[in-house]
Amino acid sequence: LNKCIYDPEEQKSTLKMLLKFILKLKPDKKTDKVLSFIFLFKIGSSFFKDISYKDEEEWRLVCFPLTQQSNNDSIYKINYLSKNSVIIPYIEFPIVTTIENSLFSNIFIGSNVINSNLEIVDFIKNNNANFRKLIRSKVKIQEIH
């Protein structure tokens, strides 16, 4: 769980820190520095977003399954979203929150959500969640042709 990093210089600094950490590892039969860097790079870069999205102040929870099974025997099934010619793997897992025990204080709605604020509030309350403030993103989404 970490706050997204929007500043390009901070992103570079994070990657340099990861690389320094990997280079300090003592090589052995179980440790491959390249694979370790790739794994840490996947985690670290999952928190990188373009600076134009800075107003969202997004936090992300990133996790990787120990094994990626194609069957349904694992606890969490890996699903796939196809968006803009890219396949994005994701795992759905329940987050228990109730009106009495709110997990979220503010909810930010992305630019591409077309539902009205009332529809979103109704959806959240129908799922027994609570929040203080609903905020719509001011980022303008543009298609690149």
C-alpha atoms as a PDB file:
ATOM      1  CA  LEU A   1       0.000   0.000   0.000  1.00  0.00           C
ATOM      2  CA  ASN A   2       1.583   3.248  -1.108  1.00  0.00           C
ATOM      3  CA  LYS A   3       0.745   6.665  -2.424  1.00  0.00           C
ATOM      4  CA  CYS A   4       1.248   7.024  -6.193  1.00  0.00           C
ATOM      5  CA  ILE A   5       4.385   8.810  -7.343  1.00  0.00           C
ATOM      6  CA  TYR A   6       3.673  11.508  -9.944  1.00  0.00           C
ATOM      7  CA  ASP A   7       6.942  13.427 -10.033  1.00  0.00           C
ATOM      8  CA  PRO A   8       9.305  12.086 -12.758  1.00  0.00           C
ATOM      9  CA  GLU A   9      12.404  12.877 -10.679  1.00  0.00           C
ATOM     10  CA  GLU A  10      11.018  10.984  -7.700  1.00  0.00           C
ATOM     11  CA  GLN A  11      10.215   8.055 -10.019  1.00  0.00           C
ATOM     12  CA  LYS A  12      13.825   8.019 -11.269  1.00  0.00           C
ATOM     13  CA  SER A  13      15.101   8.221  -7.701  1.00  0.00           C
ATOM     14  CA  THR A  14      12.913   5.266  -6.704  1.00  0.00           C
ATOM     15  CA  LEU A  15      14.263   3.162  -9.586  1.00  0.00           C
ATOM     16  CA  LYS A  16      17.856   4.078  -8.671  1.00  0.00           C
ATOM     17  CA  MET A  17      17.205   3.063  -5.066  1.00  0.00           C
ATOM     18  CA  LEU A  18      15.802  -0.310  -6.218  1.00  0.00           C
ATOM     19  CA  LEU A  19      18.809  -0.877  -8.469  1.00  0.00           C
ATOM     20  CA  LYS A  20      21.262  -0.056  -5.657  1.00  0.00           C
ATOM     21  CA  PHE A  21      19.411  -2.468  -3.376  1.00  0.00           C
ATOM     22  CA  ILE A  22      19.622  -5.275  -5.962  1.00  0.00           C
ATOM     23  CA  LEU A  23      23.311  -4.637  -6.650  1.00  0.00           C
ATOM     24  CA  LYS A  24      24.091  -5.055  -2.929  1.00  0.00           C
ATOM     25  CA  LEU A  25      22.600  -8.556  -2.896  1.00  0.00           C
ATOM     26  CA  LYS A  26      25.179 -11.279  -2.580  1.00  0.00           C
ATOM     27  CA  PRO A  27      24.841 -13.594  -5.561  1.00  0.00           C
ATOM     28  CA  ASP A  28      24.031 -17.203  -4.823  1.00  0.00           C
ATOM     29  CA  LYS A  29      22.253 -20.060  -6.517  1.00  0.00           C
ATOM     30  CA  LYS A  30      18.830 -18.910  -5.293  1.00  0.00           C
ATOM     31  CA  THR A  31      19.239 -15.216  -6.093  1.00  0.00           C
ATOM     32  CA  ASP A  32      19.242 -13.891  -9.609  1.00  0.00           C
ATOM     33  CA  LYS A  33      19.825 -10.123  -9.606  1.00  0.00           C
ATOM     34  CA  VAL A  34      18.098  -9.549 -12.941  1.00  0.00           C
ATOM     35  CA  LEU A  35      14.942 -11.428 -11.927  1.00  0.00           C
ATOM     36  CA  SER A  36      14.960  -9.713  -8.527  1.00  0.00           C
ATOM     37  CA  PHE A  37      15.215  -6.304 -10.182  1.00  0.00           C
ATOM     38  CA  ILE A  38      12.380  -7.142 -12.597  1.00  0.00           C
ATOM     39  CA  PHE A  39      10.173  -8.224  -9.692  1.00  0.00           C
ATOM     40  CA  LEU A  40      10.954  -5.098  -7.638  1.00  0.00           C
ATOM     41  CA  PHE A  41      10.597  -2.912 -10.750  1.00  0.00           C
ATOM     42  CA  LYS A  42       7.083  -4.316 -11.315  1.00  0.00           C
ATOM     43  CA  ILE A  43       6.112  -3.476  -7.753  1.00  0.00           C
ATOM     44  CA  GLY A  44       7.772  -0.048  -7.664  1.00  0.00           C
ATOM     45  CA  SER A  45       6.553   1.115 -11.055  1.00  0.00           C
ATOM     46  CA  SER A  46       2.985   0.064 -10.176  1.00  0.00           C
ATOM     47  CA  PHE A  47       2.877   3.265  -8.149  1.00  0.00           C
ATOM     48  CA  PHE A  48       4.062   5.539 -10.991  1.00  0.00           C
ATOM     49  CA  LYS A  49       1.529   7.796 -12.674  1.00  0.00           C
ATOM     50  CA  ASP A  50       1.886  10.687 -15.084  1.00  0.00           C
ATOM     51  CA  ILE A  51       2.191  14.068 -13.364  1.00  0.00           C
ATOM     52  CA  SER A  52      -1.042  15.255 -15.063  1.00  0.00           C
ATOM     53  CA  TYR A  53      -2.961  12.966 -12.638  1.00  0.00           C
ATOM     54  CA  LYS A  54      -1.384  14.494  -9.515  1.00  0.00           C
ATOM     55  CA  ASP A  55      -4.659  16.055  -8.318  1.00  0.00           C
ATOM     56  CA  GLU A  56      -6.103  12.564  -7.779  1.00  0.00           C
ATOM     57  CA  GLU A  57      -3.667  11.865  -4.899  1.00  0.00           C
ATOM     58  CA  GLU A  58      -4.236   8.149  -5.527  1.00  0.00           C
ATOM     59  CA  TRP A  59      -3.134   5.335  -3.253  1.00  0.00           C
ATOM     60  CA  ARG A  60      -2.687   1.817  -4.587  1.00  0.00           C
ATOM     61  CA  LEU A  61      -2.605  -1.600  -3.021  1.00  0.00           C
ATOM     62  CA  VAL A  62      -0.341  -3.807  -5.131  1.00  0.00           C
ATOM     63  CA  CYS A  63       0.066  -7.531  -4.672  1.00  0.00           C
ATOM     64  CA  PHE A  64       1.328 -10.384  -6.777  1.00  0.00           C
ATOM     65  CA  PRO A  65       0.106 -13.965  -6.409  1.00  0.00           C
ATOM     66  CA  LEU A  66       2.702 -16.521  -5.439  1.00  0.00           C
ATOM     67  CA  THR A  67       1.689 -18.604  -8.434  1.00  0.00           C
ATOM     68  CA  GLN A  68      -0.343 -17.673 -11.467  1.00  0.00           C
ATOM     69  CA  GLN A  69      -2.656 -20.586 -11.971  1.00  0.00           C
ATOM     70  CA  SER A  70      -4.931 -20.725 -14.976  1.00  0.00           C
ATOM     71  CA  ASN A  71      -7.470 -22.881 -13.146  1.00  0.00           C
ATOM     72  CA  ASN A  72      -9.843 -21.876 -10.384  1.00  0.00           C
ATOM     73  CA  ASP A  73      -8.052 -23.848  -7.643  1.00  0.00           C
ATOM     74  CA  SER A  74      -6.250 -20.776  -6.276  1.00  0.00           C
ATOM     75  CA  ILE A  75      -7.831 -18.513  -3.660  1.00  0.00           C
ATOM     76  CA  TYR A  76      -7.767 -15.514  -5.983  1.00  0.00           C
ATOM     77  CA  LYS A  77      -8.494 -15.948  -9.665  1.00  0.00           C
ATOM     78  CA  ILE A  78      -6.480 -13.812 -12.050  1.00  0.00           C
ATOM     79  CA  ASN A  79      -8.821 -11.889 -14.360  1.00  0.00           C
ATOM     80  CA  TYR A  80      -7.872  -9.886 -17.424  1.00  0.00           C
ATOM     81  CA  LEU A  81      -9.044  -6.515 -18.713  1.00  0.00           C
ATOM     82  CA  SER A  82      -8.466  -5.550 -22.327  1.00  0.00           C
ATOM     83  CA  LYS A  83      -8.082  -1.790 -22.639  1.00  0.00           C
ATOM     84  CA  ASN A  84      -6.566   0.220 -25.497  1.00  0.00           C
ATOM     85  CA  SER A  85      -4.966  -2.886 -27.035  1.00  0.00           C
ATOM     86  CA  VAL A  86      -3.307  -3.808 -23.716  1.00  0.00           C
ATOM     87  CA  ILE A  87      -4.182  -6.822 -21.572  1.00  0.00           C
ATOM     88  CA  ILE A  88      -4.086  -5.952 -17.869  1.00  0.00           C
ATOM     89  CA  PRO A  89      -4.123  -8.776 -15.283  1.00  0.00           C
ATOM     90  CA  TYR A  90      -5.928  -8.081 -12.014  1.00  0.00           C
ATOM     91  CA  ILE A  91      -7.225  -9.897  -8.948  1.00  0.00           C
ATOM     92  CA  GLU A  92     -10.477  -9.039  -7.214  1.00  0.00           C
ATOM     93  CA  PHE A  93     -10.481  -9.473  -3.480  1.00  0.00           C
ATOM     94  CA  PRO A  94     -13.067  -8.369  -0.931  1.00  0.00           C
ATOM     95  CA  ILE A  95     -12.533  -5.319   1.246  1.00  0.00           C
ATOM     96  CA  VAL A  96     -14.842  -5.355   4.228  1.00  0.00           C
ATOM     97  CA  THR A  97     -16.152  -1.920   5.094  1.00  0.00           C
ATOM     98  CA  THR A  98     -19.433  -0.931   6.678  1.00  0.00           C
ATOM     99  CA  ILE A  99     -21.167   2.299   7.564  1.00  0.00           C
ATOM    100  CA  GLU A 100     -20.066   1.747  11.173  1.00  0.00           C
ATOM    101  CA  ASN A 101     -16.475   0.876  10.191  1.00  0.00           C
ATOM    102  CA  SER A 102     -15.539   3.002   7.198  1.00  0.00           C
ATOM    103  CA  LEU A 103     -12.358   2.066   5.362  1.00  0.00           C
ATOM    104  CA  PHE A 104     -12.423   5.076   3.038  1.00  0.00           C
ATOM    105  CA  SER A 105     -12.730   8.766   3.921  1.00  0.00           C
ATOM    106  CA  ASN A 106     -12.770  10.223   0.401  1.00  0.00           C
ATOM    107  CA  ILE A 107     -13.642   8.612  -2.898  1.00  0.00           C
ATOM    108  CA  PHE A 108     -12.146  10.021  -6.104  1.00  0.00           C
ATOM    109  CA  ILE A 109     -14.044   9.369  -9.333  1.00  0.00           C
ATOM    110  CA  GLY A 110     -11.974   9.145 -12.522  1.00  0.00           C
ATOM    111  CA  SER A 111     -12.619  11.300 -15.589  1.00  0.00           C
ATOM    112  CA  ASN A 112     -14.038   8.486 -17.693  1.00  0.00           C
ATOM    113  CA  VAL A 113     -16.888   7.636 -15.257  1.00  0.00           C
ATOM    114  CA  ILE A 114     -20.162   8.876 -16.733  1.00  0.00           C
ATOM    115  CA  ASN A 115     -22.460   8.062 -13.800  1.00  0.00           C
ATOM    116  CA  SER A 116     -23.979  10.934 -11.849  1.00  0.00           C
ATOM    117  CA  ASN A 117     -22.769  11.647  -8.309  1.00  0.00           C
ATOM    118  CA  LEU A 118     -26.153  10.488  -6.953  1.00  0.00           C
ATOM    119  CA  GLU A 119     -25.852   7.133  -8.764  1.00  0.00           C
ATOM    120  CA  ILE A 120     -22.355   6.627  -7.367  1.00  0.00           C
ATOM    121  CA  VAL A 121     -23.406   7.553  -3.814  1.00  0.00           C
ATOM    122  CA  ASP A 122     -26.382   5.160  -4.062  1.00  0.00           C
ATOM    123  CA  PHE A 123     -24.133   2.350  -5.322  1.00  0.00           C
ATOM    124  CA  ILE A 124     -21.667   2.863  -2.454  1.00  0.00           C
ATOM    125  CA  LYS A 125     -24.392   3.009   0.206  1.00  0.00           C
ATOM    126  CA  ASN A 126     -26.150  -0.065  -1.251  1.00  0.00           C
ATOM    127  CA  ASN A 127     -22.874  -1.911  -0.687  1.00  0.00           C
ATOM    128  CA  ASN A 128     -22.863  -0.853   2.989  1.00  0.00           C
ATOM    129  CA  ALA A 129     -19.916   1.507   2.629  1.00  0.00           C
ATOM    130  CA  ASN A 130     -19.449   4.958   4.060  1.00  0.00           C
ATOM    131  CA  PHE A 131     -17.295   7.953   3.119  1.00  0.00           C
ATOM    132  CA  ARG A 132     -16.971  11.658   3.872  1.00  0.00           C
ATOM    133  CA  LYS A 133     -16.567  13.172   0.446  1.00  0.00           C
ATOM    134  CA  LEU A 134     -17.057  12.204  -3.202  1.00  0.00           C
ATOM    135  CA  ILE A 135     -14.592  14.027  -5.488  1.00  0.00           C
ATOM    136  CA  ARG A 136     -14.552  13.998  -9.281  1.00  0.00           C
ATOM    137  CA  SER A 137     -11.198  14.145 -11.038  1.00  0.00           C
ATOM    138  CA  LYS A 138     -10.453  17.341 -12.952  1.00  0.00           C
ATOM    139  CA  VAL A 139      -8.064  15.565 -15.320  1.00  0.00           C
ATOM    140  CA  LYS A 140      -9.214  15.808 -18.934  1.00  0.00           C
ATOM    141  CA  ILE A 141      -8.904  12.547 -20.823  1.00  0.00           C
ATOM    142  CA  GLN A 142      -7.826  12.939 -24.456  1.00  0.00           C
ATOM    143  CA  GLU A 143      -7.670  10.273 -27.096  1.00  0.00           C
ATOM    144  CA  ILE A 144      -4.464  10.162 -29.101  1.00  0.00           C
ATOM    145  CA  HIS A 145      -4.940   9.254 -32.763  1.00  0.00           C
END
